[in-house]
């Protein structure tokens, strides 16, 4: 079993950071959903480097999926808040 220290360190942390984990950590840190979306989009997404052609393809597809998810989530959060 990996310690919390291992999960939070550099590349290992970024590799494991997904949308669910971003929102879990955002809640723990007291961030709003909007702040968490901003952090994930600008600080976490796309930071992991893939070196193989297959890895690069998977990363590109995953990033596109995550960006579309975040776009839809922003619309829903705006709608929820009456915007």
Protein backbone atom coordinates (compact mmCIF):
# COMPACT_ATOMS: atom_id res chain seq x y z
CA UNK A 1 0.00 0.00 0.00
CA UNK A 2 1.29 3.45 -0.93
CA UNK A 3 1.58 6.12 1.73
CA UNK A 4 -0.14 9.50 1.42
CA UNK A 5 3.28 11.03 0.91
CA UNK A 6 3.78 8.91 -2.22
CA UNK A 7 0.38 9.91 -3.59
CA UNK A 8 1.07 13.60 -3.14
CA UNK A 9 4.57 13.69 -4.58
CA UNK A 10 5.26 15.15 -8.01
CA UNK A 11 4.68 12.91 -10.99
CA UNK A 12 3.08 10.07 -9.02
CA UNK A 13 0.39 12.47 -7.78
CA UNK A 14 -0.29 13.95 -11.22
CA UNK A 15 -0.62 10.50 -12.78
CA UNK A 16 -3.30 9.59 -10.27
CA UNK A 17 -5.13 12.89 -10.40
CA UNK A 18 -8.45 12.51 -12.12
CA UNK A 19 -11.63 14.49 -12.05
CA UNK A 20 -13.00 12.58 -9.04
CA UNK A 21 -9.80 13.06 -7.07
CA UNK A 22 -9.68 16.75 -7.95
CA UNK A 23 -13.17 17.25 -6.53
CA UNK A 24 -12.41 15.17 -3.46
CA UNK A 25 -9.30 17.24 -2.74
CA UNK A 26 -11.15 20.45 -3.55
CA UNK A 27 -13.81 19.60 -0.98
CA UNK A 28 -11.17 18.77 1.62
CA UNK A 29 -9.44 22.10 0.96
CA UNK A 30 -12.72 24.03 1.10
CA UNK A 31 -12.72 25.02 -2.57
CA UNK A 32 -15.90 25.74 -4.45
CA UNK A 33 -16.75 23.54 -7.43
CA UNK A 34 -15.78 26.42 -9.71
CA UNK A 35 -12.37 26.79 -8.04
CA UNK A 36 -11.78 23.06 -8.37
CA UNK A 37 -12.69 23.12 -12.08
CA UNK A 38 -10.28 26.04 -12.62
CA UNK A 39 -7.48 24.29 -10.74
CA UNK A 40 -7.98 21.01 -12.58
CA UNK A 41 -8.14 22.69 -15.98
CA UNK A 42 -5.17 25.03 -15.55
CA UNK A 43 -2.87 23.28 -13.08
CA UNK A 44 -3.39 19.52 -13.29
CA UNK A 45 -4.75 18.57 -16.69
CA UNK A 46 -2.08 17.74 -19.23
CA UNK A 47 0.89 17.86 -16.87
CA UNK A 48 1.80 14.19 -17.23
CA UNK A 49 4.21 13.42 -20.08
CA UNK A 50 3.61 10.34 -22.22
CA UNK A 51 6.47 9.11 -24.36
CA UNK A 52 5.13 6.26 -26.49
CA UNK A 53 2.86 6.82 -29.49
CA UNK A 54 0.11 4.77 -27.82
CA UNK A 55 0.49 6.71 -24.57
CA UNK A 56 0.40 10.04 -26.39
CA UNK A 57 -2.78 9.00 -28.21
CA UNK A 58 -4.45 7.92 -24.97
CA UNK A 59 -3.39 11.15 -23.28
CA UNK A 60 -4.78 13.26 -26.10
CA UNK A 61 -8.11 11.40 -26.01
CA UNK A 62 -8.28 11.62 -22.23
CA UNK A 63 -7.50 15.33 -22.21
CA UNK A 64 -10.16 16.02 -24.86
CA UNK A 65 -12.70 14.02 -22.83
CA UNK A 66 -11.80 15.86 -19.61
CA UNK A 67 -12.03 19.28 -21.29
CA UNK A 68 -15.47 18.46 -22.70
CA UNK A 69 -16.57 17.23 -19.27
CA UNK A 70 -15.32 20.44 -17.62
CA UNK A 71 -17.08 22.56 -20.27
CA UNK A 72 -20.38 20.78 -19.60
CA UNK A 73 -19.85 20.98 -15.85
CA UNK A 74 -19.28 24.75 -16.04
CA UNK A 75 -22.59 25.12 -17.91
CA UNK A 76 -24.41 23.07 -15.29
CA UNK A 77 -22.83 25.00 -12.41
CA UNK A 78 -23.78 28.29 -14.08
CA UNK A 79 -27.36 27.05 -14.64
CA UNK A 80 -27.58 25.89 -11.01
CA UNK A 81 -26.50 29.32 -9.82
CA UNK A 82 -29.11 31.05 -11.97
CA UNK A 83 -26.72 32.27 -14.68
